[in-house]
Protein backbone atom coordinates (compact mmCIF):
# COMPACT_ATOMS: atom_id res chain seq x y z
CA MET A 1 120.66 88.61 91.51
CA SER A 2 117.46 87.47 89.82
CA HIS A 3 114.37 87.88 92.01
CA VAL A 4 112.84 84.71 90.52
CA HIS A 5 115.92 82.68 91.47
CA LEU A 6 116.05 84.21 94.96
CA ARG A 7 112.34 83.55 95.60
CA SER A 8 112.62 79.90 94.52
CA PHE A 9 115.64 79.46 96.80
CA LEU A 10 113.77 81.05 99.73
CA ASP A 11 110.71 78.86 99.09
CA GLN A 12 112.93 75.82 99.68
CA ARG A 13 114.67 77.20 102.79
CA VAL A 14 112.18 79.45 104.61
CA ARG A 15 108.91 77.95 105.83
CA ASP A 16 107.59 81.02 107.69
CA GLY A 17 105.12 82.77 105.38
CA VAL A 18 105.39 86.07 107.28
CA ILE A 19 109.14 86.22 106.68
CA ARG A 20 108.76 85.28 103.01
CA ARG A 21 106.13 87.99 102.46
CA ALA A 22 108.34 90.57 104.18
CA ILE A 23 111.29 89.66 101.94
CA ASP A 24 109.00 89.74 98.89
CA LYS A 25 107.81 93.26 99.76
CA TRP A 26 111.40 94.34 100.32
CA LEU A 27 112.39 93.06 96.87
CA LYS A 28 109.40 94.78 95.23
CA ALA A 29 110.24 98.15 96.81
CA GLY A 30 110.89 100.81 94.20
CA VAL A 31 114.16 102.61 93.64
CA LEU A 32 114.14 106.39 93.37
CA GLU A 33 116.56 107.37 90.61
CA GLY A 34 116.66 110.83 89.07
CA GLY A 35 113.25 111.71 90.51
CA ALA A 36 111.54 108.65 89.00
CA VAL A 37 110.61 105.43 90.80
CA MET A 38 111.85 102.25 89.09
CA HIS A 39 110.92 98.66 89.96
CA PRO A 40 113.84 96.46 88.87
CA ASN A 41 113.54 92.66 88.52
CA GLU A 42 117.12 92.05 89.60
CA GLY A 43 119.29 93.17 92.47
CA THR A 44 118.50 93.87 96.10
CA PRO A 45 117.72 97.23 97.67
CA GLN A 46 120.45 98.81 99.79
CA GLY A 47 119.85 101.06 102.75
CA GLY A 48 116.35 101.90 103.72
């Protein structure tokens, strides 16, 4: 799932700025893979 597409969809549906910022931070969270942190532009983090 493209983060750009998801953010534009959320901008149309979610009016609460606090919720949108929380989702944005969640999407920007890095992924630890093989000892290195990656910041993908697609997909959604699982777990946490």
